[in-house]
Amino acid sequence: MKLKYTLLRISWSVFCLPLLLIFIPQALLVKRNTIRLPEAAGDPFGQTSSQSHNEGHLRLLHVGESTVAGVGVESLKFGITPQLANDLAEHTGKIVRWSIFGKNGIRLAELNQVMPVELKRLHNITGQQQKYHIAVITMGVNDTSKFTSIKNWRASINKIVNLLSEVTEGPIFFTQVPHLAQFPALPAPLKYLLGIRSTMLDIELKQICDESSHVYYLGTKIQVAPDMMAKDGYHPSALGYAHWGKEIAKQINATMDTRLRECNDG
């Protein structure tokens, strides 16, 4: 992994950065022609059905960029968070109460700036004053396309972990930075440059997660089949969100089961 990352950094510095000047017109053309889809409608909170076999409930917080805001579907109920909550509920037998904050186009440093205010807003509208059991962060596309530096990316990751640790009593999860080379809306060769950059951010993210005892990385295989993508070629469709949510839920459930066993053994 270290060798791969070193080669990526060398490739980015020696080849990709100079080529960016050539591909700026292509990037501007993509920005102008890409379909603009709105954030999904609906309340930024909810809960799974009451058909619970176990007492208690799980409190889930999900924050991030446009995919958390449900861009690509009309209603948040078809977005990734409700799907994730349903799968967690099925596995645990508990009701899952979820809250989200997602913003189209936001970078991680900007998310850190608004997060304290948004957390208070969520607490006010949901009446939720207790700490969350699980927090999930979905970021990276905008930091890739807007060329956030590696230094600022790492600093922003550490800051959001500190912010959410104050309101979360359990583990914090980061979803994988999507590999932008696979996005249908992006033409070659621009998508290959962005693919390299997104991979670099993803490696940094995984490294930070691996160094922590309560922060976890959720790797997924991105599905780029036509029915998995919205019409803009940039965001998931309802089917894509459902598939993605299931992949994430499997890993969260496995992590939570492991933590529970460790506590019982201890």
C-alpha atoms as a PDB file:
ATOM      1  CA  MET A   1       0.000   0.000   0.000  1.00  0.00           C
ATOM      2  CA  LYS A   2       2.836   2.414   0.849  1.00  0.00           C
ATOM      3  CA  LEU A   3       4.521   1.742  -2.498  1.00  0.00           C
ATOM      4  CA  LYS A   4       1.237   2.234  -4.348  1.00  0.00           C
ATOM      5  CA  TYR A   5       0.625   5.517  -2.575  1.00  0.00           C
ATOM      6  CA  THR A   6       4.164   6.733  -3.224  1.00  0.00           C
ATOM      7  CA  LEU A   7       3.775   6.003  -6.922  1.00  0.00           C
ATOM      8  CA  LEU A   8       0.429   7.795  -6.978  1.00  0.00           C
ATOM      9  CA  ARG A   9       1.928  10.900  -5.364  1.00  0.00           C
ATOM     10  CA  ILE A  10       4.811  10.907  -7.811  1.00  0.00           C
ATOM     11  CA  SER A  11       2.428  10.450 -10.747  1.00  0.00           C
ATOM     12  CA  TRP A  12       0.221  13.259  -9.476  1.00  0.00           C
ATOM     13  CA  SER A  13       3.088  15.699  -9.007  1.00  0.00           C
ATOM     14  CA  VAL A  14       5.019  14.878 -12.179  1.00  0.00           C
ATOM     15  CA  PHE A  15       2.284  14.107 -14.690  1.00  0.00           C
ATOM     16  CA  CYS A  16      -1.198  14.991 -13.467  1.00  0.00           C
ATOM     17  CA  LEU A  17      -0.731  18.510 -12.120  1.00  0.00           C
ATOM     18  CA  PRO A  18       0.830  19.813 -15.370  1.00  0.00           C
ATOM     19  CA  LEU A  19      -1.950  18.150 -17.383  1.00  0.00           C
ATOM     20  CA  LEU A  20      -4.651  19.855 -15.336  1.00  0.00           C
ATOM     21  CA  LEU A  21      -4.038  23.081 -17.227  1.00  0.00           C
ATOM     22  CA  ILE A  22      -4.821  21.225 -20.446  1.00  0.00           C
ATOM     23  CA  PHE A  23      -7.984  19.647 -19.053  1.00  0.00           C
ATOM     24  CA  ILE A  24      -9.469  22.769 -17.480  1.00  0.00           C
ATOM     25  CA  PRO A  25     -11.620  23.445 -20.600  1.00  0.00           C
ATOM     26  CA  GLN A  26     -12.897  19.861 -20.419  1.00  0.00           C
ATOM     27  CA  ALA A  27     -13.727  20.280 -16.737  1.00  0.00           C
ATOM     28  CA  LEU A  28     -15.605  23.516 -17.422  1.00  0.00           C
ATOM     29  CA  LEU A  29     -17.538  21.824 -20.210  1.00  0.00           C
ATOM     30  CA  VAL A  30     -18.523  18.962 -17.925  1.00  0.00           C
ATOM     31  CA  LYS A  31     -19.652  21.397 -15.242  1.00  0.00           C
ATOM     32  CA  ARG A  32     -21.795  23.284 -17.753  1.00  0.00           C
ATOM     33  CA  ASN A  33     -23.395  20.210 -19.351  1.00  0.00           C
ATOM     34  CA  THR A  34     -23.954  17.944 -16.346  1.00  0.00           C
ATOM     35  CA  ILE A  35     -27.598  17.661 -15.289  1.00  0.00           C
ATOM     36  CA  ARG A  36     -28.238  19.440 -11.987  1.00  0.00           C
ATOM     37  CA  LEU A  37     -30.354  17.301  -9.684  1.00  0.00           C
ATOM     38  CA  PRO A  38     -31.837  18.707  -6.447  1.00  0.00           C
ATOM     39  CA  GLU A  39     -31.415  17.359  -2.963  1.00  0.00           C
ATOM     40  CA  ALA A  40     -34.106  14.845  -2.022  1.00  0.00           C
ATOM     41  CA  ALA A  41     -37.269  16.018  -0.297  1.00  0.00           C
ATOM     42  CA  GLY A  42     -38.280  14.845   3.147  1.00  0.00           C
ATOM     43  CA  ASP A  43     -37.453  15.198   6.819  1.00  0.00           C
ATOM     44  CA  PRO A  44     -33.795  14.690   7.799  1.00  0.00           C
ATOM     45  CA  PHE A  45     -34.815  12.190  10.464  1.00  0.00           C
ATOM     46  CA  GLY A  46     -36.922   9.083  10.875  1.00  0.00           C
ATOM     47  CA  GLN A  47     -37.017   5.604  12.310  1.00  0.00           C
ATOM     48  CA  THR A  48     -37.475   2.044  11.197  1.00  0.00           C
ATOM     49  CA  SER A  49     -40.722   0.124  11.753  1.00  0.00           C
ATOM     50  CA  SER A  50     -41.761  -0.813  15.275  1.00  0.00           C
ATOM     51  CA  GLN A  51     -41.605  -4.557  14.575  1.00  0.00           C
ATOM     52  CA  SER A  52     -38.715  -4.966  16.975  1.00  0.00           C
ATOM     53  CA  HIS A  53     -37.724  -8.156  18.765  1.00  0.00           C
ATOM     54  CA  ASN A  54     -35.244  -6.568  21.171  1.00  0.00           C
ATOM     55  CA  GLU A  55     -35.724  -3.799  23.672  1.00  0.00           C
ATOM     56  CA  GLY A  56     -34.151  -0.407  23.125  1.00  0.00           C
ATOM     57  CA  HIS A  57     -33.125   1.312  19.950  1.00  0.00           C
ATOM     58  CA  LEU A  58     -30.077   2.500  18.035  1.00  0.00           C
ATOM     59  CA  ARG A  59     -29.449   6.155  17.325  1.00  0.00           C
ATOM     60  CA  LEU A  60     -27.727   6.725  13.985  1.00  0.00           C
ATOM     61  CA  LEU A  61     -26.209   9.975  12.708  1.00  0.00           C
ATOM     62  CA  HIS A  62     -25.175  10.259   9.060  1.00  0.00           C
ATOM     63  CA  VAL A  63     -23.453  13.398   7.743  1.00  0.00           C
ATOM     64  CA  GLY A  64     -21.785  14.281   4.473  1.00  0.00           C
ATOM     65  CA  GLU A  65     -22.129  15.536   0.938  1.00  0.00           C
ATOM     66  CA  SER A  66     -24.739  15.187  -1.815  1.00  0.00           C
ATOM     67  CA  THR A  67     -25.260  11.444  -1.474  1.00  0.00           C
ATOM     68  CA  VAL A  68     -26.298  11.907   2.161  1.00  0.00           C
ATOM     69  CA  ALA A  69     -28.687  14.631   0.983  1.00  0.00           C
ATOM     70  CA  GLY A  70     -30.228  12.087  -1.408  1.00  0.00           C
ATOM     71  CA  VAL A  71     -29.308  13.743  -4.687  1.00  0.00           C
ATOM     72  CA  GLY A  72     -30.415  11.315  -7.391  1.00  0.00           C
ATOM     73  CA  VAL A  73     -33.752  10.348  -5.829  1.00  0.00           C
ATOM     74  CA  GLU A  74     -36.899  12.371  -5.184  1.00  0.00           C
ATOM     75  CA  SER A  75     -37.350  11.470  -1.515  1.00  0.00           C
ATOM     76  CA  LEU A  76     -34.914  10.818   1.320  1.00  0.00           C
ATOM     77  CA  LYS A  77     -36.783   7.594   2.077  1.00  0.00           C
ATOM     78  CA  PHE A  78     -35.110   6.162  -1.048  1.00  0.00           C
ATOM     79  CA  GLY A  79     -31.676   7.444  -0.016  1.00  0.00           C
ATOM     80  CA  ILE A  80     -28.811   5.600   1.582  1.00  0.00           C
ATOM     81  CA  THR A  81     -29.510   6.379   5.255  1.00  0.00           C
ATOM     82  CA  PRO A  82     -32.991   4.788   5.542  1.00  0.00           C
ATOM     83  CA  GLN A  83     -31.690   1.740   3.679  1.00  0.00           C
ATOM     84  CA  LEU A  84     -28.764   1.521   6.076  1.00  0.00           C
ATOM     85  CA  ALA A  85     -31.091   1.943   9.054  1.00  0.00           C
ATOM     86  CA  ASN A  86     -33.424  -0.821   7.818  1.00  0.00           C
ATOM     87  CA  ASP A  87     -30.551  -3.276   7.457  1.00  0.00           C
ATOM     88  CA  LEU A  88     -29.184  -2.402  10.900  1.00  0.00           C
ATOM     89  CA  ALA A  89     -32.642  -2.885  12.378  1.00  0.00           C
ATOM     90  CA  GLU A  90     -33.047  -6.258  10.681  1.00  0.00           C
ATOM     91  CA  HIS A  91     -29.704  -7.449  12.026  1.00  0.00           C
ATOM     92  CA  THR A  92     -30.057  -6.158  15.586  1.00  0.00           C
ATOM     93  CA  GLY A  93     -33.800  -6.526  16.015  1.00  0.00           C
ATOM     94  CA  LYS A  94     -33.893  -2.983  17.341  1.00  0.00           C
ATOM     95  CA  ILE A  95     -35.616   0.156  16.142  1.00  0.00           C
ATOM     96  CA  VAL A  96     -33.107   2.467  14.478  1.00  0.00           C
ATOM     97  CA  ARG A  97     -33.692   6.202  14.789  1.00  0.00           C
ATOM     98  CA  TRP A  98     -31.700   8.096  12.192  1.00  0.00           C
ATOM     99  CA  SER A  99     -30.761  11.731  11.685  1.00  0.00           C
ATOM    100  CA  ILE A 100     -28.894  13.168   8.714  1.00  0.00           C
ATOM    101  CA  PHE A 101     -27.208  16.291   7.503  1.00  0.00           C
ATOM    102  CA  GLY A 102     -26.132  16.308   3.880  1.00  0.00           C
ATOM    103  CA  LYS A 103     -25.219  19.226   1.646  1.00  0.00           C
ATOM    104  CA  ASN A 104     -24.708  19.185  -2.096  1.00  0.00           C
ATOM    105  CA  GLY A 105     -21.247  20.433  -3.115  1.00  0.00           C
ATOM    106  CA  ILE A 106     -19.800  20.644   0.391  1.00  0.00           C
ATOM    107  CA  ARG A 107     -16.180  19.865   1.235  1.00  0.00           C
ATOM    108  CA  LEU A 108     -15.061  18.339   4.510  1.00  0.00           C
ATOM    109  CA  ALA A 109     -13.552  21.579   5.850  1.00  0.00           C
ATOM    110  CA  GLU A 110     -16.865  23.329   5.143  1.00  0.00           C
ATOM    111  CA  LEU A 111     -18.785  20.517   6.817  1.00  0.00           C
ATOM    112  CA  ASN A 112     -16.673  21.013   9.931  1.00  0.00           C
ATOM    113  CA  GLN A 113     -17.583  24.692   9.982  1.00  0.00           C
ATOM    114  CA  VAL A 114     -21.344  24.159   9.907  1.00  0.00           C
ATOM    115  CA  MET A 115     -21.521  20.901  11.883  1.00  0.00           C
ATOM    116  CA  PRO A 116     -21.911  22.411  15.392  1.00  0.00           C
ATOM    117  CA  VAL A 117     -24.895  24.486  14.253  1.00  0.00           C
ATOM    118  CA  GLU A 118     -26.431  21.599  12.305  1.00  0.00           C
ATOM    119  CA  LEU A 119     -26.121  19.230  15.243  1.00  0.00           C
ATOM    120  CA  LYS A 120     -28.011  21.684  17.431  1.00  0.00           C
ATOM    121  CA  ARG A 121     -30.661  22.048  14.731  1.00  0.00           C
ATOM    122  CA  LEU A 122     -31.099  18.279  14.498  1.00  0.00           C
ATOM    123  CA  HIS A 123     -31.383  18.027  18.266  1.00  0.00           C
ATOM    124  CA  ASN A 124     -34.062  20.742  18.295  1.00  0.00           C
ATOM    125  CA  ILE A 125     -36.244  19.262  15.545  1.00  0.00           C
ATOM    126  CA  THR A 126     -35.939  15.632  16.680  1.00  0.00           C
ATOM    127  CA  GLY A 127     -35.914  16.176  20.430  1.00  0.00           C
ATOM    128  CA  GLN A 128     -32.850  13.950  20.457  1.00  0.00           C
ATOM    129  CA  GLN A 129     -30.630  14.976  23.352  1.00  0.00           C
ATOM    130  CA  GLN A 130     -28.839  11.704  24.033  1.00  0.00           C
ATOM    131  CA  LYS A 131     -25.634  10.764  22.264  1.00  0.00           C
ATOM    132  CA  TYR A 132     -25.776   8.748  19.054  1.00  0.00           C
ATOM    133  CA  HIS A 133     -24.739   5.109  19.100  1.00  0.00           C
ATOM    134  CA  ILE A 134     -23.239   5.227  15.601  1.00  0.00           C
ATOM    135  CA  ALA A 135     -22.011   8.042  13.348  1.00  0.00           C
ATOM    136  CA  VAL A 136     -21.313   7.659   9.624  1.00  0.00           C
ATOM    137  CA  ILE A 137     -19.461  10.196   7.465  1.00  0.00           C
ATOM    138  CA  THR A 138     -19.705  10.163   3.671  1.00  0.00           C
ATOM    139  CA  MET A 139     -17.311  12.605   2.005  1.00  0.00           C
ATOM    140  CA  GLY A 140     -14.620  12.896  -0.640  1.00  0.00           C
ATOM    141  CA  VAL A 141     -16.140  13.600  -4.050  1.00  0.00           C
ATOM    142  CA  ASN A 142     -16.080  17.378  -3.692  1.00  0.00           C
ATOM    143  CA  ASP A 143     -12.688  17.354  -1.999  1.00  0.00           C
ATOM    144  CA  THR A 144     -11.438  15.394  -5.009  1.00  0.00           C
ATOM    145  CA  SER A 145     -12.979  17.552  -7.711  1.00  0.00           C
ATOM    146  CA  LYS A 146     -12.026  20.778  -5.930  1.00  0.00           C
ATOM    147  CA  PHE A 147      -8.472  19.568  -5.251  1.00  0.00           C
ATOM    148  CA  THR A 148      -8.307  19.785  -1.469  1.00  0.00           C
ATOM    149  CA  SER A 149      -4.677  19.381  -0.426  1.00  0.00           C
ATOM    150  CA  ILE A 150      -3.634  16.187   1.349  1.00  0.00           C
ATOM    151  CA  LYS A 151      -2.607  18.205   4.410  1.00  0.00           C
ATOM    152  CA  ASN A 152      -6.000  19.909   4.682  1.00  0.00           C
ATOM    153  CA  TRP A 153      -7.821  16.645   3.971  1.00  0.00           C
ATOM    154  CA  ARG A 154      -6.066  14.895   6.858  1.00  0.00           C
ATOM    155  CA  ALA A 155      -6.657  17.828   9.194  1.00  0.00           C
ATOM    156  CA  SER A 156     -10.349  17.926   8.273  1.00  0.00           C
ATOM    157  CA  ILE A 157     -10.750  14.193   8.885  1.00  0.00           C
ATOM    158  CA  ASN A 158      -9.280  14.523  12.372  1.00  0.00           C
ATOM    159  CA  LYS A 159     -11.468  17.532  13.104  1.00  0.00           C
ATOM    160  CA  ILE A 160     -14.750  15.862  12.104  1.00  0.00           C
ATOM    161  CA  VAL A 161     -13.813  12.851  14.228  1.00  0.00           C
ATOM    162  CA  ASN A 162     -13.294  15.135  17.230  1.00  0.00           C
ATOM    163  CA  LEU A 163     -16.578  16.934  16.568  1.00  0.00           C
ATOM    164  CA  LEU A 164     -18.648  13.778  16.245  1.00  0.00           C
ATOM    165  CA  SER A 165     -16.913  12.058  19.166  1.00  0.00           C
ATOM    166  CA  GLU A 166     -18.555  14.659  21.392  1.00  0.00           C
ATOM    167  CA  VAL A 167     -22.043  13.534  20.348  1.00  0.00           C
ATOM    168  CA  THR A 168     -21.415   9.826  19.668  1.00  0.00           C
ATOM    169  CA  GLU A 169     -20.877   7.190  22.343  1.00  0.00           C
ATOM    170  CA  GLY A 170     -20.074   4.403  19.884  1.00  0.00           C
ATOM    171  CA  PRO A 171     -17.952   3.924  16.770  1.00  0.00           C
ATOM    172  CA  ILE A 172     -17.531   6.412  13.938  1.00  0.00           C
ATOM    173  CA  PHE A 173     -17.479   5.123  10.360  1.00  0.00           C
ATOM    174  CA  PHE A 174     -16.173   6.702   7.155  1.00  0.00           C
ATOM    175  CA  THR A 175     -17.445   5.435   3.837  1.00  0.00           C
ATOM    176  CA  GLN A 176     -14.905   4.973   1.058  1.00  0.00           C
ATOM    177  CA  VAL A 177     -14.028   7.941  -1.149  1.00  0.00           C
ATOM    178  CA  PRO A 178     -15.670   7.011  -4.477  1.00  0.00           C
ATOM    179  CA  HIS A 179     -13.310   6.299  -7.362  1.00  0.00           C
ATOM    180  CA  LEU A 180     -14.225   9.126  -9.729  1.00  0.00           C
ATOM    181  CA  ALA A 181     -12.785   7.372 -12.780  1.00  0.00           C
ATOM    182  CA  GLN A 182     -15.897   5.165 -12.713  1.00  0.00           C
ATOM    183  CA  PHE A 183     -18.413   8.016 -12.874  1.00  0.00           C
ATOM    184  CA  PRO A 184     -20.271   7.909 -16.242  1.00  0.00           C
ATOM    185  CA  ALA A 185     -20.677  11.704 -16.289  1.00  0.00           C
ATOM    186  CA  LEU A 186     -16.917  12.270 -16.423  1.00  0.00           C
ATOM    187  CA  PRO A 187     -15.173  11.963 -19.816  1.00  0.00           C
ATOM    188  CA  ALA A 188     -11.679  10.662 -20.439  1.00  0.00           C
ATOM    189  CA  PRO A 189      -8.971  11.679 -19.803  1.00  0.00           C
ATOM    190  CA  LEU A 190     -10.286  13.985 -17.064  1.00  0.00           C
ATOM    191  CA  LYS A 191     -11.867  11.106 -15.156  1.00  0.00           C
ATOM    192  CA  TYR A 192      -8.542   9.277 -14.927  1.00  0.00           C
ATOM    193  CA  LEU A 193      -6.866  12.262 -13.295  1.00  0.00           C
ATOM    194  CA  LEU A 194      -9.725  12.604 -10.824  1.00  0.00           C
ATOM    195  CA  GLY A 195      -9.608   8.857 -10.274  1.00  0.00           C
ATOM    196  CA  ILE A 196      -5.978   9.095  -9.191  1.00  0.00           C
ATOM    197  CA  ARG A 197      -6.762  11.996  -6.890  1.00  0.00           C
ATOM    198  CA  SER A 198      -9.758  10.254  -5.289  1.00  0.00           C
ATOM    199  CA  THR A 199      -7.629   7.160  -4.678  1.00  0.00           C
ATOM    200  CA  MET A 200      -5.010   9.297  -2.921  1.00  0.00           C
ATOM    201  CA  LEU A 201      -7.622  10.820  -0.608  1.00  0.00           C
ATOM    202  CA  ASP A 202      -9.095   7.396   0.043  1.00  0.00           C
ATOM    203  CA  ILE A 203      -5.720   5.922   1.054  1.00  0.00           C
ATOM    204  CA  GLU A 204      -5.170   8.810   3.471  1.00  0.00           C
ATOM    205  CA  LEU A 205      -8.645   8.265   4.929  1.00  0.00           C
ATOM    206  CA  LYS A 206      -8.112   4.546   5.425  1.00  0.00           C
ATOM    207  CA  GLN A 207      -4.753   5.130   7.077  1.00  0.00           C
ATOM    208  CA  ILE A 208      -6.254   7.500   9.636  1.00  0.00           C
ATOM    209  CA  CYS A 209      -9.063   5.036  10.359  1.00  0.00           C
ATOM    210  CA  ASP A 210      -6.605   2.187  10.792  1.00  0.00           C
ATOM    211  CA  GLU A 211      -4.681   4.222  13.355  1.00  0.00           C
ATOM    212  CA  SER A 212      -7.764   4.750  15.556  1.00  0.00           C
ATOM    213  CA  SER A 213      -9.451   2.422  18.027  1.00  0.00           C
ATOM    214  CA  HIS A 214     -12.981   3.733  17.429  1.00  0.00           C
ATOM    215  CA  VAL A 215     -12.937   5.010  13.820  1.00  0.00           C
ATOM    216  CA  TYR A 216     -13.568   2.543  11.000  1.00  0.00           C
ATOM    217  CA  TYR A 217     -13.285   2.535   7.216  1.00  0.00           C
ATOM    218  CA  LEU A 218     -16.113   1.117   5.107  1.00  0.00           C
ATOM    219  CA  GLY A 219     -14.805  -0.067   1.758  1.00  0.00           C
ATOM    220  CA  THR A 220     -17.339  -0.783  -0.965  1.00  0.00           C
ATOM    221  CA  LYS A 221     -17.395  -1.839  -4.590  1.00  0.00           C
ATOM    222  CA  ILE A 222     -19.017   0.960  -6.570  1.00  0.00           C
ATOM    223  CA  GLN A 223     -21.725  -0.216  -8.945  1.00  0.00           C
ATOM    224  CA  VAL A 224     -21.745   1.768 -12.198  1.00  0.00           C
ATOM    225  CA  ALA A 225     -24.365  -0.207 -14.105  1.00  0.00           C
ATOM    226  CA  PRO A 226     -26.962   2.105 -15.725  1.00  0.00           C
ATOM    227  CA  ASP A 227     -29.737   1.135 -13.306  1.00  0.00           C
ATOM    228  CA  MET A 228     -27.469   1.907 -10.355  1.00  0.00           C
ATOM    229  CA  MET A 229     -26.926   5.514 -11.427  1.00  0.00           C
ATOM    230  CA  ALA A 230     -29.211   8.543 -11.569  1.00  0.00           C
ATOM    231  CA  LYS A 231     -29.751  10.309 -14.868  1.00  0.00           C
ATOM    232  CA  ASP A 232     -26.937  12.767 -14.171  1.00  0.00           C
ATOM    233  CA  GLY A 233     -24.372   9.946 -14.273  1.00  0.00           C
ATOM    234  CA  TYR A 234     -22.880  11.302 -11.079  1.00  0.00           C
ATOM    235  CA  HIS A 235     -25.126  10.120  -8.239  1.00  0.00           C
ATOM    236  CA  PRO A 236     -26.714   6.769  -7.344  1.00  0.00           C
ATOM    237  CA  SER A 237     -30.273   5.879  -8.263  1.00  0.00           C
ATOM    238  CA  ALA A 238     -32.690   4.441  -5.689  1.00  0.00           C
ATOM    239  CA  LEU A 239     -31.391   0.970  -6.562  1.00  0.00           C
ATOM    240  CA  GLY A 240     -27.808   2.202  -6.266  1.00  0.00           C
ATOM    241  CA  TYR A 241     -28.474   3.690  -2.826  1.00  0.00           C
ATOM    242  CA  ALA A 242     -30.143   0.462  -1.681  1.00  0.00           C
ATOM    243  CA  HIS A 243     -27.193  -1.634  -2.839  1.00  0.00           C
ATOM    244  CA  TRP A 244     -24.682   0.745  -1.274  1.00  0.00           C
ATOM    245  CA  GLY A 245     -26.583   0.864   2.022  1.00  0.00           C
ATOM    246  CA  LYS A 246     -26.611  -2.930   2.270  1.00  0.00           C
ATOM    247  CA  GLU A 247     -22.848  -3.137   1.695  1.00  0.00           C
ATOM    248  CA  ILE A 248     -22.207  -0.558   4.397  1.00  0.00           C
ATOM    249  CA  ALA A 249     -24.640  -2.162   6.827  1.00  0.00           C
ATOM    250  CA  LYS A 250     -22.913  -5.562   6.569  1.00  0.00           C
ATOM    251  CA  GLN A 251     -19.608  -4.028   7.639  1.00  0.00           C
ATOM    252  CA  ILE A 252     -21.123  -1.941  10.436  1.00  0.00           C
ATOM    253  CA  ASN A 253     -22.994  -4.968  11.772  1.00  0.00           C
ATOM    254  CA  ALA A 254     -19.791  -7.041  11.718  1.00  0.00           C
ATOM    255  CA  THR A 255     -17.874  -4.309  13.551  1.00  0.00           C
ATOM    256  CA  MET A 256     -20.603  -3.872  16.160  1.00  0.00           C
ATOM    257  CA  ASP A 257     -20.784  -7.644  16.733  1.00  0.00           C
ATOM    258  CA  THR A 258     -17.015  -7.785  17.216  1.00  0.00           C
ATOM    259  CA  ARG A 259     -17.046  -4.892  19.678  1.00  0.00           C
ATOM    260  CA  LEU A 260     -19.860  -6.550  21.628  1.00  0.00           C
ATOM    261  CA  ARG A 261     -17.974  -9.847  21.839  1.00  0.00           C
ATOM    262  CA  GLU A 262     -14.845  -8.042  23.012  1.00  0.00           C
ATOM    263  CA  CYS A 263     -16.825  -6.289  25.742  1.00  0.00           C
ATOM    264  CA  ASN A 264     -18.377  -9.575  26.889  1.00  0.00           C
ATOM    265  CA  ASP A 265     -15.005 -11.312  26.870  1.00  0.00           C
ATOM    266  CA  GLY A 266     -13.511  -8.456  28.838  1.00  0.00           C
END
